[in-house]
Amino acid sequence: MAKKATILVKLESTADTGYFYVRKRNPRKQTEKLKFKKYDPVARKHVEFTETKLK
């Protein structure tokens, strides 16, 4: 059976609030780490979220 093309990654807030999003990513097509500016409800503002490993 073939291996899945997409993996789940954790997008963790850089505001150190502990808030995170979970997102799918295809490592064959997107080799660099993901970075997004998204809303952090704990900090109550838009901050940058960076990719970390999902445990």
N, C-alpha and C. Protein backbone atom coordinates (compact mmCIF):
# COMPACT_ATOMS: atom_id res chain seq x y z
N MET A 1 0.83 -1.17 0.00
CA MET A 1 0.00 0.00 0.00
C MET A 1 0.89 1.25 0.00
N ALA A 2 0.46 2.25 -0.72
CA ALA A 2 1.26 3.47 -0.86
C ALA A 2 1.17 4.35 0.39
N LYS A 3 2.20 5.17 0.57
CA LYS A 3 2.25 6.11 1.68
C LYS A 3 1.41 7.33 1.34
N LYS A 4 0.78 7.95 2.35
CA LYS A 4 -0.04 9.13 2.11
C LYS A 4 0.81 10.29 1.62
N ALA A 5 0.24 11.12 0.76
CA ALA A 5 0.97 12.27 0.21
C ALA A 5 0.94 13.45 1.17
N THR A 6 -0.10 13.54 2.02
CA THR A 6 -0.21 14.68 2.92
C THR A 6 0.06 14.26 4.36
N ILE A 7 0.62 15.20 5.12
CA ILE A 7 0.85 14.98 6.54
C ILE A 7 0.18 16.10 7.31
N LEU A 8 -0.10 15.85 8.58
CA LEU A 8 -0.68 16.87 9.45
C LEU A 8 0.45 17.61 10.16
N VAL A 9 0.39 18.92 10.18
CA VAL A 9 1.38 19.73 10.88
C VAL A 9 0.66 20.67 11.84
N LYS A 10 1.39 21.09 12.85
CA LYS A 10 0.85 21.99 13.86
C LYS A 10 1.38 23.38 13.61
N LEU A 11 0.49 24.36 13.51
CA LEU A 11 0.89 25.76 13.37
C LEU A 11 0.76 26.40 14.74
N GLU A 12 1.90 26.72 15.36
CA GLU A 12 1.91 27.22 16.73
C GLU A 12 2.12 28.73 16.74
N SER A 13 1.43 29.40 17.65
CA SER A 13 1.48 30.85 17.75
C SER A 13 2.86 31.32 18.23
N THR A 14 3.35 32.41 17.64
CA THR A 14 4.62 32.98 18.07
C THR A 14 4.45 33.93 19.25
N ALA A 15 3.18 34.14 19.68
CA ALA A 15 2.91 35.00 20.83
C ALA A 15 3.06 34.23 22.14
N ASP A 16 3.47 32.96 22.09
CA ASP A 16 3.67 32.10 23.26
C ASP A 16 2.43 31.97 24.13
N THR A 17 1.26 31.84 23.48
CA THR A 17 0.02 31.65 24.22
C THR A 17 -0.34 30.18 24.32
N GLY A 18 0.30 29.33 23.51
CA GLY A 18 -0.02 27.92 23.50
C GLY A 18 -1.12 27.56 22.52
N TYR A 19 -1.66 28.54 21.83
CA TYR A 19 -2.73 28.29 20.87
C TYR A 19 -2.13 27.78 19.56
N PHE A 20 -2.83 26.84 18.90
CA PHE A 20 -2.32 26.29 17.64
C PHE A 20 -3.45 25.89 16.72
N TYR A 21 -3.12 25.81 15.44
CA TYR A 21 -4.01 25.29 14.40
C TYR A 21 -3.38 24.01 13.87
N VAL A 22 -4.20 23.11 13.32
CA VAL A 22 -3.71 21.90 12.67
C VAL A 22 -4.06 22.01 11.19
N ARG A 23 -3.09 21.70 10.34
CA ARG A 23 -3.27 21.87 8.90
C ARG A 23 -2.60 20.73 8.15
N LYS A 24 -3.11 20.40 6.97
CA LYS A 24 -2.49 19.39 6.11
C LYS A 24 -1.47 20.04 5.20
N ARG A 25 -0.40 19.28 4.88
CA ARG A 25 0.64 19.79 4.00
C ARG A 25 1.19 18.62 3.19
N ASN A 26 1.49 18.88 1.92
CA ASN A 26 2.11 17.87 1.07
C ASN A 26 3.62 18.14 1.06
N PRO A 27 4.41 17.30 1.74
CA PRO A 27 5.85 17.56 1.82
C PRO A 27 6.60 17.34 0.50
N ARG A 28 5.98 16.66 -0.43
CA ARG A 28 6.63 16.47 -1.74
C ARG A 28 6.59 17.74 -2.57
N LYS A 29 5.53 18.55 -2.41
CA LYS A 29 5.39 19.78 -3.20
C LYS A 29 5.82 21.01 -2.43
N GLN A 30 5.57 21.05 -1.11
CA GLN A 30 5.93 22.19 -0.28
C GLN A 30 7.05 21.76 0.66
N THR A 31 8.27 22.09 0.30
CA THR A 31 9.40 21.62 1.10
C THR A 31 9.74 22.55 2.25
N GLU A 32 9.41 23.84 2.15
CA GLU A 32 9.73 24.78 3.23
C GLU A 32 8.63 24.75 4.30
N LYS A 33 8.98 25.23 5.48
CA LYS A 33 8.02 25.25 6.58
C LYS A 33 6.97 26.32 6.36
N LEU A 34 5.76 26.06 6.84
CA LEU A 34 4.64 26.98 6.66
C LEU A 34 4.72 28.12 7.67
N LYS A 35 4.33 29.31 7.23
CA LYS A 35 4.20 30.48 8.09
C LYS A 35 2.95 31.22 7.65
N PHE A 36 2.08 31.51 8.59
CA PHE A 36 0.85 32.23 8.30
C PHE A 36 0.61 33.29 9.35
N LYS A 37 -0.05 34.37 8.95
CA LYS A 37 -0.55 35.35 9.92
C LYS A 37 -2.01 35.02 10.12
N LYS A 38 -2.34 34.56 11.34
CA LYS A 38 -3.70 34.16 11.65
C LYS A 38 -4.11 34.75 12.99
N TYR A 39 -5.38 34.61 13.32
CA TYR A 39 -5.92 35.18 14.55
C TYR A 39 -5.64 34.26 15.74
N ASP A 40 -5.12 34.83 16.81
CA ASP A 40 -4.90 34.12 18.06
C ASP A 40 -5.93 34.63 19.07
N PRO A 41 -6.93 33.81 19.42
CA PRO A 41 -7.97 34.29 20.33
C PRO A 41 -7.49 34.52 21.76
N VAL A 42 -6.40 33.88 22.17
CA VAL A 42 -5.87 34.09 23.51
C VAL A 42 -5.22 35.47 23.59
N ALA A 43 -4.42 35.82 22.57
CA ALA A 43 -3.79 37.14 22.52
C ALA A 43 -4.75 38.21 21.99
N ARG A 44 -5.84 37.77 21.38
CA ARG A 44 -6.86 38.64 20.79
C ARG A 44 -6.31 39.58 19.73
N LYS A 45 -5.44 39.04 18.86
CA LYS A 45 -4.93 39.79 17.72
C LYS A 45 -4.34 38.82 16.70
N HIS A 46 -4.01 39.33 15.52
CA HIS A 46 -3.37 38.51 14.49
C HIS A 46 -1.87 38.44 14.77
N VAL A 47 -1.35 37.22 14.80
CA VAL A 47 0.08 36.99 15.00
C VAL A 47 0.56 35.97 13.99
N GLU A 48 1.86 35.78 13.90
CA GLU A 48 2.41 34.80 12.97
C GLU A 48 2.40 33.42 13.61
N PHE A 49 1.99 32.44 12.83
CA PHE A 49 1.99 31.05 13.26
C PHE A 49 3.03 30.31 12.43
N THR A 50 3.88 29.51 13.08
CA THR A 50 4.91 28.77 12.38
C THR A 50 4.70 27.27 12.57
N GLU A 51 5.19 26.50 11.63
CA GLU A 51 4.99 25.07 11.63
C GLU A 51 5.90 24.37 12.63
N THR A 52 5.31 23.45 13.40
CA THR A 52 6.07 22.56 14.28
C THR A 52 5.52 21.16 14.09
N LYS A 53 6.18 20.17 14.68
CA LYS A 53 5.72 18.79 14.55
C LYS A 53 4.49 18.55 15.39
N LEU A 54 3.57 17.77 14.86
CA LEU A 54 2.37 17.37 15.58
C LEU A 54 2.70 16.08 16.34
N LYS A 55 2.54 16.09 17.65
CA LYS A 55 2.90 14.90 18.44
C LYS A 55 1.70 14.05 18.73
